[in-house]
Every structure is written in structure tokens, then in C-alpha cells.
């Protein structure tokens, strides 16, 4: 009995000690929703209105002024028409408003702080010598893209898809506030074909390319032959994003590329290409030499022109 109890206790301890696998976490709303609520180029203020309007925007720039005190710090004059949220105005207030929509909290300031090496969509970067806050929308090896308000410290303009290199941000970085989950970026499918027209015996390349969503994509490629009703899978779901396909007969082909992310979002894209019959082989041997030379020259010129157009298109 004691041995059985000890064994049971050991199993329980082992289960409890196993590392937990977090569920895929994304923000409450997507980037596209935030961009729809606060359009690029508008102004996050209540110019022409008496009351604060954090859920809205206007077409009129702010009229506040940034003043150099001469004492080593700057301050604003004329904040009366700037919107506020979470007890902050301008860039901080705007990011607070985005954070509230995406994560349900009034401010990002209580989030855990991290660094640029671990930045992800949804994080907030405080930089420009502690003068500016922005919401990260994407980050790759070299470049960080973000949304902001009042980026030039003059008019509270809303801007999306602003980009800066990691080095540029690092030069004036204060800190990075880590969001509790990645910002949900809609999954997009930007796959494409190498050719829209080719001859029988030629090869078309399918390049699969996903963007947004929760990265680490898998791809599936299917083709519908000219006389077929259904698609045939050429490349089942997997990490491979490149496929070369050689059609066997002329006609119109349909290609469907499916991109799936780790949140199991799927984005499909349909592409098409046309396969033409093979060019006939021309035999000039029965013609006199002068006519042979003329026709061969014309053939080479047409071929050269075709190659030139192909290379520069």
C-alpha cells in the first residue's frame, strides 16, 4: 500500500513539474480594426469641440506648441484641444487608447519591461530620449514598424506603418513595454507565379508568401488542370514555400495557394497561367542559302527580342 501511494505521489509530482504549453495568445482586436478606428493622416484631438474625444479624431491639426524652457527640458503650451486617455495626452494617451482596445487595460505602463531583441507586435516602445511612445505593429531582423500620434511633436497626427531601423531606435531608447499577447495582424497571402504564359515543356514556379497573422506559416499548393473540375494537391501543408511545376498539355491552369499560421488562420489565393502549344521546328535546309540566312536572322531576332522583354519585365 505504501509503495503504491509513493508511486502515485511520484506520478503527480512529475505531471505538475511538466512545462506548461501556453495557448496561442493574440490581442482582443486586430491591427486592421485599430487602423479603421483611427485612420492614418487624421488628428487625434478634439479641435472645434469642447470635450475630450479619445474615441474619435478630426481633420484639423492641433495648435499646441513645444517650448524649450532653457533649463534642459521642453514643455507644451496649448494642450486644450489634445485628446487624452489613461491620464495622458498626445502620443502616450493615444497608445493608451490603442492598448485599451487591444488588451482591455487603461495604460501600458504596468507591463513588464523588455528590450529590442524581444520586441513583438503589440509592444510599446518608449524612445526619442524619453519623449515619444509608439505601438509596434511588426518587427523583423533590421526594421521595426509602428503606429503613433504626434510623432513630429507638433500636431497630433495619426500615422501608421512608420518604420525605423533597430539601430535608429536603440540610439534614443528608454525601454520596451512587453504586451501580454501579440497584436493580432490579419493573415495575408501574397503568393505569386513566375510566369503567366508558357509553352508545353516549360516550368512555372509557385512562390508561397504569407504575411501577418501569427507567423511560422505552412503552405499548401493545388492545381486544377484545364479539363478538370477539382483541384489536385501538388504540395501538401508544410514549411516548403517553393514549388516548380511542369504542365503536360496546353490550356488554362488554376493554382490555389493556402497559407496557414500557428493560430490556424487560413488565407487562400487563386492564381492562373496559360500553357501554349510547342512552337513548330522550322527546317530551312531545302531553301537556297540566301533565303536561309534571311529567315534564320529573322528567327534569331524574334527570339532575341522575346528574351530581352522577358529579362526586363
C-alpha atoms as a PDB file:
ATOM      1  CA  UNK A   1       0.000   0.000   0.000  1.00  0.00           C
ATOM      2  CA  UNK A   2       2.800   2.389   0.918  1.00  0.00           C
ATOM      3  CA  UNK A   3       4.642   1.566  -2.326  1.00  0.00           C
ATOM      4  CA  UNK A   4       1.514   2.242  -4.413  1.00  0.00           C
ATOM      5  CA  UNK A   5       0.910   5.547  -2.622  1.00  0.00           C
ATOM      6  CA  UNK A   6       4.521   6.559  -3.139  1.00  0.00           C
ATOM      7  CA  UNK A   7       4.286   5.678  -6.830  1.00  0.00           C
ATOM      8  CA  UNK A   8       1.071   7.680  -7.211  1.00  0.00           C
ATOM      9  CA  UNK A   9       2.644  10.659  -5.468  1.00  0.00           C
ATOM     10  CA  UNK A  10       5.673  10.464  -7.759  1.00  0.00           C
ATOM     11  CA  UNK A  11       3.431  10.472 -10.846  1.00  0.00           C
ATOM     12  CA  UNK A  12       1.518  13.509  -9.558  1.00  0.00           C
ATOM     13  CA  UNK A  13       4.768  15.370  -8.879  1.00  0.00           C
ATOM     14  CA  UNK A  14       6.031  14.505 -12.367  1.00  0.00           C
ATOM     15  CA  UNK A  15       2.846  15.789 -14.027  1.00  0.00           C
ATOM     16  CA  UNK A  16       2.910  19.009 -12.032  1.00  0.00           C
ATOM     17  CA  UNK A  17       6.538  19.577 -12.950  1.00  0.00           C
ATOM     18  CA  UNK A  18       5.964  19.274 -16.696  1.00  0.00           C
ATOM     19  CA  UNK A  19       6.405  22.616 -18.526  1.00  0.00           C
ATOM     20  CA  UNK A  20       3.101  24.177 -19.423  1.00  0.00           C
ATOM     21  CA  UNK A  21       2.362  24.902 -23.070  1.00  0.00           C
ATOM     22  CA  UNK A  22       0.619  28.263 -23.317  1.00  0.00           C
ATOM     23  CA  UNK A  23      -2.377  28.581 -25.579  1.00  0.00           C
ATOM     24  CA  UNK A  24      -1.850  30.709 -28.642  1.00  0.00           C
ATOM     25  CA  UNK A  25      -2.403  34.247 -27.370  1.00  0.00           C
ATOM     26  CA  UNK A  26      -3.408  37.158 -29.534  1.00  0.00           C
ATOM     27  CA  UNK A  27      -4.869  40.574 -28.790  1.00  0.00           C
ATOM     28  CA  UNK A  28      -8.623  41.158 -28.496  1.00  0.00           C
ATOM     29  CA  UNK A  29      -8.803  43.104 -31.759  1.00  0.00           C
ATOM     30  CA  UNK A  30      -6.604  43.137 -34.828  1.00  0.00           C
ATOM     31  CA  UNK A  31      -4.341  45.822 -36.212  1.00  0.00           C
ATOM     32  CA  UNK A  32      -6.771  46.390 -39.086  1.00  0.00           C
ATOM     33  CA  UNK A  33      -9.511  47.235 -36.565  1.00  0.00           C
ATOM     34  CA  UNK A  34      -7.283  49.790 -34.820  1.00  0.00           C
ATOM     35  CA  UNK A  35      -6.342  51.362 -38.146  1.00  0.00           C
ATOM     36  CA  UNK A  36     -10.014  51.548 -39.084  1.00  0.00           C
ATOM     37  CA  UNK A  37     -10.916  53.250 -35.794  1.00  0.00           C
ATOM     38  CA  UNK A  38      -8.065  55.768 -36.034  1.00  0.00           C
ATOM     39  CA  UNK A  39      -7.282  56.413 -39.729  1.00  0.00           C
ATOM     40  CA  UNK A  40      -3.836  57.291 -40.957  1.00  0.00           C
ATOM     41  CA  UNK A  41      -3.357  61.027 -41.549  1.00  0.00           C
ATOM     42  CA  UNK A  42      -6.162  62.179 -39.239  1.00  0.00           C
ATOM     43  CA  UNK A  43      -5.562  64.056 -35.980  1.00  0.00           C
ATOM     44  CA  UNK A  44      -6.185  62.591 -32.526  1.00  0.00           C
ATOM     45  CA  UNK A  45      -7.675  65.719 -30.981  1.00  0.00           C
ATOM     46  CA  UNK A  46     -10.995  67.478 -30.385  1.00  0.00           C
ATOM     47  CA  UNK A  47     -10.329  70.667 -32.307  1.00  0.00           C
ATOM     48  CA  UNK A  48     -13.628  72.537 -32.669  1.00  0.00           C
ATOM     49  CA  UNK A  49     -15.182  70.597 -29.776  1.00  0.00           C
ATOM     50  CA  UNK A  50     -15.238  71.452 -26.092  1.00  0.00           C
ATOM     51  CA  UNK A  51     -14.949  67.952 -24.571  1.00  0.00           C
ATOM     52  CA  UNK A  52     -12.215  65.356 -24.772  1.00  0.00           C
ATOM     53  CA  UNK A  53     -12.910  62.798 -27.547  1.00  0.00           C
ATOM     54  CA  UNK A  54     -10.496  59.834 -27.116  1.00  0.00           C
ATOM     55  CA  UNK A  55     -12.604  57.553 -29.340  1.00  0.00           C
ATOM     56  CA  UNK A  56     -12.535  59.969 -32.267  1.00  0.00           C
ATOM     57  CA  UNK A  57     -10.384  62.216 -34.412  1.00  0.00           C
ATOM     58  CA  UNK A  58     -10.627  65.335 -36.572  1.00  0.00           C
ATOM     59  CA  UNK A  59      -9.275  66.641 -39.869  1.00  0.00           C
ATOM     60  CA  UNK A  60      -7.749  69.666 -38.121  1.00  0.00           C
ATOM     61  CA  UNK A  61      -4.161  69.699 -36.802  1.00  0.00           C
ATOM     62  CA  UNK A  62      -3.545  70.578 -33.155  1.00  0.00           C
ATOM     63  CA  UNK A  63      -2.307  74.079 -32.400  1.00  0.00           C
ATOM     64  CA  UNK A  64      -0.191  73.238 -29.358  1.00  0.00           C
ATOM     65  CA  UNK A  65       3.432  74.402 -29.205  1.00  0.00           C
ATOM     66  CA  UNK A  66       6.547  72.678 -27.865  1.00  0.00           C
ATOM     67  CA  UNK A  67       8.647  75.190 -25.925  1.00  0.00           C
ATOM     68  CA  UNK A  68      12.272  74.989 -24.882  1.00  0.00           C
ATOM     69  CA  UNK A  69      12.435  76.187 -21.286  1.00  0.00           C
ATOM     70  CA  UNK A  70      16.151  76.895 -21.468  1.00  0.00           C
ATOM     71  CA  UNK A  71      16.578  74.749 -18.338  1.00  0.00           C
ATOM     72  CA  UNK A  72      17.319  71.480 -20.100  1.00  0.00           C
ATOM     73  CA  UNK A  73      13.744  70.339 -20.695  1.00  0.00           C
ATOM     74  CA  UNK A  74      10.837  71.104 -23.045  1.00  0.00           C
ATOM     75  CA  UNK A  75       7.181  71.648 -22.277  1.00  0.00           C
ATOM     76  CA  UNK A  76       3.945  72.070 -24.236  1.00  0.00           C
ATOM     77  CA  UNK A  77       1.716  75.120 -24.387  1.00  0.00           C
ATOM     78  CA  UNK A  78      -1.882  74.896 -25.607  1.00  0.00           C
ATOM     79  CA  UNK A  79      -2.898  71.315 -24.806  1.00  0.00           C
ATOM     80  CA  UNK A  80      -6.581  72.211 -24.506  1.00  0.00           C
ATOM     81  CA  UNK A  81      -7.612  70.547 -27.763  1.00  0.00           C
ATOM     82  CA  UNK A  82      -5.429  67.422 -27.441  1.00  0.00           C
ATOM     83  CA  UNK A  83      -7.291  64.189 -26.685  1.00  0.00           C
ATOM     84  CA  UNK A  84      -6.369  62.270 -23.547  1.00  0.00           C
ATOM     85  CA  UNK A  85      -6.761  58.714 -22.287  1.00  0.00           C
ATOM     86  CA  UNK A  86      -5.476  56.966 -19.189  1.00  0.00           C
ATOM     87  CA  UNK A  87      -4.476  60.324 -17.672  1.00  0.00           C
ATOM     88  CA  UNK A  88      -2.100  61.006 -20.588  1.00  0.00           C
ATOM     89  CA  UNK A  89      -2.276  63.132 -23.741  1.00  0.00           C
ATOM     90  CA  UNK A  90      -0.742  63.061 -27.218  1.00  0.00           C
ATOM     91  CA  UNK A  91       1.492  60.056 -28.034  1.00  0.00           C
ATOM     92  CA  UNK A  92       1.166  58.361 -24.632  1.00  0.00           C
ATOM     93  CA  UNK A  93      -2.575  58.917 -24.431  1.00  0.00           C
ATOM     94  CA  UNK A  94      -3.039  57.618 -27.985  1.00  0.00           C
ATOM     95  CA  UNK A  95      -1.043  54.456 -27.311  1.00  0.00           C
ATOM     96  CA  UNK A  96      -3.023  54.004 -24.077  1.00  0.00           C
ATOM     97  CA  UNK A  97      -6.206  54.174 -26.158  1.00  0.00           C
ATOM     98  CA  UNK A  98      -4.920  51.538 -28.595  1.00  0.00           C
ATOM     99  CA  UNK A  99      -3.795  49.330 -25.730  1.00  0.00           C
ATOM    100  CA  UNK A 100      -7.221  49.596 -24.104  1.00  0.00           C
ATOM    101  CA  UNK A 101      -8.900  48.448 -27.315  1.00  0.00           C
ATOM    102  CA  UNK A 102      -6.442  45.615 -27.905  1.00  0.00           C
ATOM    103  CA  UNK A 103      -5.839  44.390 -24.337  1.00  0.00           C
ATOM    104  CA  UNK A 104      -8.503  45.918 -22.090  1.00  0.00           C
ATOM    105  CA  UNK A 105      -6.213  47.935 -19.806  1.00  0.00           C
ATOM    106  CA  UNK A 106      -6.025  51.726 -19.433  1.00  0.00           C
ATOM    107  CA  UNK A 107      -2.271  52.014 -19.883  1.00  0.00           C
ATOM    108  CA  UNK A 108       0.780  50.064 -20.952  1.00  0.00           C
ATOM    109  CA  UNK A 109       2.912  51.480 -18.145  1.00  0.00           C
ATOM    110  CA  UNK A 110       2.355  48.492 -15.851  1.00  0.00           C
ATOM    111  CA  UNK A 111       3.577  45.980 -18.403  1.00  0.00           C
ATOM    112  CA  UNK A 112       6.810  44.091 -17.917  1.00  0.00           C
ATOM    113  CA  UNK A 113       9.779  45.865 -19.481  1.00  0.00           C
ATOM    114  CA  UNK A 114      11.989  44.116 -22.021  1.00  0.00           C
ATOM    115  CA  UNK A 115      14.382  45.082 -24.826  1.00  0.00           C
ATOM    116  CA  UNK A 116      14.506  45.398 -28.608  1.00  0.00           C
ATOM    117  CA  UNK A 117      15.804  41.844 -29.010  1.00  0.00           C
ATOM    118  CA  UNK A 118      12.447  40.522 -27.797  1.00  0.00           C
ATOM    119  CA  UNK A 119      10.096  43.112 -29.313  1.00  0.00           C
ATOM    120  CA  UNK A 120       6.874  41.840 -30.920  1.00  0.00           C
ATOM    121  CA  UNK A 121       3.697  43.344 -32.435  1.00  0.00           C
ATOM    122  CA  UNK A 122       1.675  44.923 -29.628  1.00  0.00           C
ATOM    123  CA  UNK A 123       4.655  46.036 -27.558  1.00  0.00           C
ATOM    124  CA  UNK A 124       5.154  49.725 -26.771  1.00  0.00           C
ATOM    125  CA  UNK A 125       8.493  51.411 -27.388  1.00  0.00           C
ATOM    126  CA  UNK A 126       9.433  54.497 -25.408  1.00  0.00           C
ATOM    127  CA  UNK A 127      12.285  56.317 -27.143  1.00  0.00           C
ATOM    128  CA  UNK A 128      13.445  59.661 -28.609  1.00  0.00           C
ATOM    129  CA  UNK A 129      15.144  60.381 -25.291  1.00  0.00           C
ATOM    130  CA  UNK A 130      12.011  59.542 -23.296  1.00  0.00           C
ATOM    131  CA  UNK A 131       9.871  61.928 -25.351  1.00  0.00           C
ATOM    132  CA  UNK A 132       7.808  59.531 -27.503  1.00  0.00           C
ATOM    133  CA  UNK A 133       5.771  56.291 -27.255  1.00  0.00           C
ATOM    134  CA  UNK A 134       4.674  54.105 -30.185  1.00  0.00           C
ATOM    135  CA  UNK A 135       2.791  50.821 -30.695  1.00  0.00           C
ATOM    136  CA  UNK A 136       4.794  48.162 -32.544  1.00  0.00           C
ATOM    137  CA  UNK A 137       2.937  46.582 -35.473  1.00  0.00           C
ATOM    138  CA  UNK A 138       5.722  44.410 -36.905  1.00  0.00           C
ATOM    139  CA  UNK A 139       9.378  43.680 -36.320  1.00  0.00           C
ATOM    140  CA  UNK A 140      11.953  41.889 -38.444  1.00  0.00           C
ATOM    141  CA  UNK A 141      15.711  41.476 -38.249  1.00  0.00           C
ATOM    142  CA  UNK A 142      16.519  45.079 -39.142  1.00  0.00           C
ATOM    143  CA  UNK A 143      13.332  47.164 -39.126  1.00  0.00           C
ATOM    144  CA  UNK A 144      10.549  47.951 -36.663  1.00  0.00           C
ATOM    145  CA  UNK A 145       7.195  49.247 -37.908  1.00  0.00           C
ATOM    146  CA  UNK A 146       4.811  51.114 -35.613  1.00  0.00           C
ATOM    147  CA  UNK A 147       1.780  53.335 -35.222  1.00  0.00           C
ATOM    148  CA  UNK A 148       1.944  56.688 -33.473  1.00  0.00           C
ATOM    149  CA  UNK A 149       0.378  60.053 -32.729  1.00  0.00           C
ATOM    150  CA  UNK A 150       2.251  63.360 -32.608  1.00  0.00           C
ATOM    151  CA  UNK A 151       5.436  61.845 -33.995  1.00  0.00           C
ATOM    152  CA  UNK A 152       6.795  65.240 -35.011  1.00  0.00           C
ATOM    153  CA  UNK A 153       5.745  66.855 -31.694  1.00  0.00           C
ATOM    154  CA  UNK A 154       3.588  69.406 -33.494  1.00  0.00           C
ATOM    155  CA  UNK A 155       0.011  68.465 -34.440  1.00  0.00           C
ATOM    156  CA  UNK A 156      -1.145  65.077 -33.006  1.00  0.00           C
ATOM    157  CA  UNK A 157      -1.333  63.480 -36.450  1.00  0.00           C
ATOM    158  CA  UNK A 158      -2.039  59.732 -36.520  1.00  0.00           C
ATOM    159  CA  UNK A 159       0.451  57.750 -38.559  1.00  0.00           C
ATOM    160  CA  UNK A 160       0.617  54.031 -39.315  1.00  0.00           C
ATOM    161  CA  UNK A 161       3.336  51.948 -40.962  1.00  0.00           C
ATOM    162  CA  UNK A 162       6.085  54.232 -39.712  1.00  0.00           C
ATOM    163  CA  UNK A 163       9.433  52.462 -39.960  1.00  0.00           C
ATOM    164  CA  UNK A 164      12.783  52.842 -38.251  1.00  0.00           C
ATOM    165  CA  UNK A 165      15.818  50.609 -38.035  1.00  0.00           C
ATOM    166  CA  UNK A 166      16.605  48.905 -34.768  1.00  0.00           C
ATOM    167  CA  UNK A 167      19.824  50.901 -34.636  1.00  0.00           C
ATOM    168  CA  UNK A 168      17.974  54.200 -35.004  1.00  0.00           C
ATOM    169  CA  UNK A 169      15.589  53.330 -32.187  1.00  0.00           C
ATOM    170  CA  UNK A 170      18.363  51.994 -29.964  1.00  0.00           C
ATOM    171  CA  UNK A 171      20.200  55.333 -30.132  1.00  0.00           C
ATOM    172  CA  UNK A 172      17.480  57.054 -28.064  1.00  0.00           C
ATOM    173  CA  UNK A 173      15.713  54.080 -26.455  1.00  0.00           C
ATOM    174  CA  UNK A 174      14.257  54.351 -22.957  1.00  0.00           C
ATOM    175  CA  UNK A 175      12.599  50.926 -22.729  1.00  0.00           C
ATOM    176  CA  UNK A 176      10.222  48.443 -24.347  1.00  0.00           C
ATOM    177  CA  UNK A 177       6.957  47.548 -22.599  1.00  0.00           C
ATOM    178  CA  UNK A 178       6.007  43.940 -23.364  1.00  0.00           C
ATOM    179  CA  UNK A 179       2.344  43.333 -24.276  1.00  0.00           C
ATOM    180  CA  UNK A 180       0.674  40.302 -22.634  1.00  0.00           C
ATOM    181  CA  UNK A 181      -0.042  38.854 -26.092  1.00  0.00           C
ATOM    182  CA  UNK A 182       0.971  39.534 -29.664  1.00  0.00           C
ATOM    183  CA  UNK A 183      -1.071  42.057 -31.594  1.00  0.00           C
ATOM    184  CA  UNK A 184      -3.352  40.220 -33.992  1.00  0.00           C
ATOM    185  CA  UNK A 185      -2.234  41.004 -37.537  1.00  0.00           C
ATOM    186  CA  UNK A 186      -4.648  39.748 -40.214  1.00  0.00           C
ATOM    187  CA  UNK A 187      -3.143  36.917 -42.220  1.00  0.00           C
ATOM    188  CA  UNK A 188      -2.472  37.873 -45.836  1.00  0.00           C
ATOM    189  CA  UNK A 189      -1.469  35.719 -48.794  1.00  0.00           C
ATOM    190  CA  UNK A 190       0.973  37.346 -51.224  1.00  0.00           C
ATOM    191  CA  UNK A 191       1.941  34.221 -53.164  1.00  0.00           C
ATOM    192  CA  UNK A 192       2.738  34.572 -56.871  1.00  0.00           C
ATOM    193  CA  UNK A 193       3.717  32.700 -60.037  1.00  0.00           C
ATOM    194  CA  UNK A 194       6.916  33.149 -62.021  1.00  0.00           C
ATOM    195  CA  UNK A 195       5.010  33.191 -65.344  1.00  0.00           C
ATOM    196  CA  UNK A 196       1.504  33.828 -66.613  1.00  0.00           C
ATOM    197  CA  UNK A 197       2.173  32.270 -70.020  1.00  0.00           C
ATOM    198  CA  UNK A 198       4.494  29.416 -71.020  1.00  0.00           C
ATOM    199  CA  UNK A 199       4.879  26.670 -73.604  1.00  0.00           C
ATOM    200  CA  UNK A 200       4.311  22.951 -73.155  1.00  0.00           C
ATOM    201  CA  UNK A 201       7.507  21.586 -71.650  1.00  0.00           C
ATOM    202  CA  UNK A 202       8.193  24.797 -69.744  1.00  0.00           C
ATOM    203  CA  UNK A 203       8.196  25.094 -65.959  1.00  0.00           C
ATOM    204  CA  UNK A 204       6.249  27.520 -63.806  1.00  0.00           C
ATOM    205  CA  UNK A 205       7.392  28.335 -60.268  1.00  0.00           C
ATOM    206  CA  UNK A 206       4.971  28.922 -57.413  1.00  0.00           C
ATOM    207  CA  UNK A 207       6.356  31.137 -54.643  1.00  0.00           C
ATOM    208  CA  UNK A 208       4.302  30.960 -51.438  1.00  0.00           C
ATOM    209  CA  UNK A 209       4.411  34.040 -49.255  1.00  0.00           C
ATOM    210  CA  UNK A 210       2.362  34.722 -46.127  1.00  0.00           C
ATOM    211  CA  UNK A 211       2.335  37.891 -44.069  1.00  0.00           C
ATOM    212  CA  UNK A 212       0.679  38.927 -40.814  1.00  0.00           C
ATOM    213  CA  UNK A 213      -1.263  36.555 -38.616  1.00  0.00           C
ATOM    214  CA  UNK A 214       0.774  34.520 -36.166  1.00  0.00           C
ATOM    215  CA  UNK A 215       3.954  33.690 -38.015  1.00  0.00           C
ATOM    216  CA  UNK A 216       5.583  30.285 -38.677  1.00  0.00           C
ATOM    217  CA  UNK A 217       3.476  29.535 -41.715  1.00  0.00           C
ATOM    218  CA  UNK A 218       2.759  26.299 -43.550  1.00  0.00           C
ATOM    219  CA  UNK A 219       1.742  26.191 -47.196  1.00  0.00           C
ATOM    220  CA  UNK A 220      -0.373  24.020 -49.480  1.00  0.00           C
ATOM    221  CA  UNK A 221      -0.405  24.268 -53.282  1.00  0.00           C
ATOM    222  CA  UNK A 222      -3.059  22.691 -55.519  1.00  0.00           C
ATOM    223  CA  UNK A 223      -3.610  22.851 -59.273  1.00  0.00           C
ATOM    224  CA  UNK A 224      -6.718  22.479 -61.450  1.00  0.00           C
ATOM    225  CA  UNK A 225      -5.954  21.107 -64.920  1.00  0.00           C
ATOM    226  CA  UNK A 226      -7.652  22.625 -67.995  1.00  0.00           C
ATOM    227  CA  UNK A 227     -10.263  19.820 -68.241  1.00  0.00           C
ATOM    228  CA  UNK A 228     -10.659  19.116 -64.510  1.00  0.00           C
ATOM    229  CA  UNK A 229     -13.415  20.158 -62.110  1.00  0.00           C
ATOM    230  CA  UNK A 230     -11.418  19.784 -58.886  1.00  0.00           C
ATOM    231  CA  UNK A 231      -8.013  20.760 -57.612  1.00  0.00           C
ATOM    232  CA  UNK A 232      -5.202  18.249 -57.160  1.00  0.00           C
ATOM    233  CA  UNK A 233      -2.793  18.880 -54.285  1.00  0.00           C
ATOM    234  CA  UNK A 234       0.779  19.170 -55.512  1.00  0.00           C
ATOM    235  CA  UNK A 235       2.350  20.353 -52.266  1.00  0.00           C
ATOM    236  CA  UNK A 236       0.648  19.292 -49.006  1.00  0.00           C
ATOM    237  CA  UNK A 237       0.773  21.578 -45.952  1.00  0.00           C
ATOM    238  CA  UNK A 238       4.336  22.013 -44.793  1.00  0.00           C
ATOM    239  CA  UNK A 239       7.151  24.530 -44.414  1.00  0.00           C
ATOM    240  CA  UNK A 240       8.215  24.331 -48.070  1.00  0.00           C
ATOM    241  CA  UNK A 241       7.296  27.576 -49.833  1.00  0.00           C
ATOM    242  CA  UNK A 242       8.710  26.932 -53.320  1.00  0.00           C
ATOM    243  CA  UNK A 243       7.281  24.630 -55.985  1.00  0.00           C
ATOM    244  CA  UNK A 244       8.292  24.051 -59.598  1.00  0.00           C
ATOM    245  CA  UNK A 245       5.607  22.563 -61.837  1.00  0.00           C
ATOM    246  CA  UNK A 246       5.850  21.395 -65.452  1.00  0.00           C
ATOM    247  CA  UNK A 247       2.426  21.137 -67.129  1.00  0.00           C
ATOM    248  CA  UNK A 248       1.999  18.418 -69.732  1.00  0.00           C
ATOM    249  CA  UNK A 249      -0.623  19.895 -72.051  1.00  0.00           C
ATOM    250  CA  UNK A 250      -1.834  23.284 -73.281  1.00  0.00           C
ATOM    251  CA  UNK A 251      -4.742  25.143 -71.724  1.00  0.00           C
ATOM    252  CA  UNK A 252      -5.730  27.341 -68.776  1.00  0.00           C
ATOM    253  CA  UNK A 253      -4.471  26.201 -65.360  1.00  0.00           C
ATOM    254  CA  UNK A 254      -5.702  27.339 -61.949  1.00  0.00           C
ATOM    255  CA  UNK A 255      -3.434  27.318 -58.912  1.00  0.00           C
ATOM    256  CA  UNK A 256      -4.661  27.666 -55.337  1.00  0.00           C
ATOM    257  CA  UNK A 257      -2.144  28.544 -52.625  1.00  0.00           C
ATOM    258  CA  UNK A 258      -3.231  28.223 -48.994  1.00  0.00           C
ATOM    259  CA  UNK A 259      -1.268  29.825 -46.165  1.00  0.00           C
ATOM    260  CA  UNK A 260      -1.910  28.671 -42.586  1.00  0.00           C
ATOM    261  CA  UNK A 261      -0.440  30.271 -39.452  1.00  0.00           C
ATOM    262  CA  UNK A 262       0.025  28.805 -35.983  1.00  0.00           C
ATOM    263  CA  UNK A 263      -3.280  30.316 -34.857  1.00  0.00           C
ATOM    264  CA  UNK A 264      -4.871  28.150 -37.611  1.00  0.00           C
ATOM    265  CA  UNK A 265      -5.964  31.122 -39.668  1.00  0.00           C
ATOM    266  CA  UNK A 266      -6.009  30.270 -43.382  1.00  0.00           C
ATOM    267  CA  UNK A 267      -5.670  32.664 -46.305  1.00  0.00           C
ATOM    268  CA  UNK A 268      -6.262  31.331 -49.822  1.00  0.00           C
ATOM    269  CA  UNK A 269      -5.163  32.882 -53.087  1.00  0.00           C
ATOM    270  CA  UNK A 270      -6.084  31.726 -56.577  1.00  0.00           C
ATOM    271  CA  UNK A 271      -3.676  32.259 -59.446  1.00  0.00           C
ATOM    272  CA  UNK A 272      -3.755  31.228 -63.101  1.00  0.00           C
ATOM    273  CA  UNK A 273      -1.440  30.670 -66.030  1.00  0.00           C
ATOM    274  CA  UNK A 274      -1.823  29.647 -69.664  1.00  0.00           C
ATOM    275  CA  UNK A 275       0.144  26.914 -71.404  1.00  0.00           C
ATOM    276  CA  UNK A 276       0.526  27.269 -75.164  1.00  0.00           C
ATOM    277  CA  UNK A 277       1.416  24.606 -77.698  1.00  0.00           C
ATOM    278  CA  UNK A 278       5.037  23.996 -78.554  1.00  0.00           C
ATOM    279  CA  UNK A 279       6.487  26.101 -81.339  1.00  0.00           C
ATOM    280  CA  UNK A 280       6.958  24.112 -84.559  1.00  0.00           C
ATOM    281  CA  UNK A 281      10.505  23.191 -85.528  1.00  0.00           C
ATOM    282  CA  UNK A 282      11.426  25.108 -88.695  1.00  0.00           C
ATOM    283  CA  UNK A 283      13.631  23.355 -91.255  1.00  0.00           C
ATOM    284  CA  UNK A 284      15.439  25.755 -93.599  1.00  0.00           C
ATOM    285  CA  UNK A 285      17.583  23.076 -95.304  1.00  0.00           C
ATOM    286  CA  UNK A 286      15.516  22.961 -98.525  1.00  0.00           C
ATOM    287  CA  UNK A 287      15.865  26.671 -99.246  1.00  0.00           C
ATOM    288  CA  UNK A 288      18.633  28.461-101.102  1.00  0.00           C
ATOM    289  CA  UNK A 289      21.426  29.816 -98.942  1.00  0.00           C
ATOM    290  CA  UNK A 290      20.436  33.486 -99.204  1.00  0.00           C
ATOM    291  CA  UNK A 291      16.863  32.834 -98.101  1.00  0.00           C
ATOM    292  CA  UNK A 292      18.096  30.526 -95.334  1.00  0.00           C
ATOM    293  CA  UNK A 293      20.312  33.289 -93.960  1.00  0.00           C
ATOM    294  CA  UNK A 294      17.440  35.816 -94.083  1.00  0.00           C
ATOM    295  CA  UNK A 295      14.961  33.539 -92.295  1.00  0.00           C
ATOM    296  CA  UNK A 296      17.491  32.421 -89.692  1.00  0.00           C
ATOM    297  CA  UNK A 297      18.364  36.043 -88.987  1.00  0.00           C
ATOM    298  CA  UNK A 298      14.670  36.903 -88.576  1.00  0.00           C
ATOM    299  CA  UNK A 299      14.134  33.925 -86.272  1.00  0.00           C
ATOM    300  CA  UNK A 300      17.121  34.858 -84.109  1.00  0.00           C
ATOM    301  CA  UNK A 301      15.965  38.486 -83.955  1.00  0.00           C
ATOM    302  CA  UNK A 302      12.482  37.473 -82.789  1.00  0.00           C
ATOM    303  CA  UNK A 303      13.962  35.112 -80.222  1.00  0.00           C
ATOM    304  CA  UNK A 304      16.381  37.794 -79.011  1.00  0.00           C
ATOM    305  CA  UNK A 305      13.528  40.314 -78.684  1.00  0.00           C
ATOM    306  CA  UNK A 306      11.468  37.800 -76.715  1.00  0.00           C
ATOM    307  CA  UNK A 307      14.358  37.111 -74.341  1.00  0.00           C
ATOM    308  CA  UNK A 308      15.015  40.846 -73.920  1.00  0.00           C
ATOM    309  CA  UNK A 309      11.373  41.503 -72.977  1.00  0.00           C
ATOM    310  CA  UNK A 310      11.423  38.599 -70.565  1.00  0.00           C
ATOM    311  CA  UNK A 311      14.536  39.834 -68.785  1.00  0.00           C
ATOM    312  CA  UNK A 312      13.360  43.439 -68.330  1.00  0.00           C
ATOM    313  CA  UNK A 313       9.720  42.866 -67.461  1.00  0.00           C
END
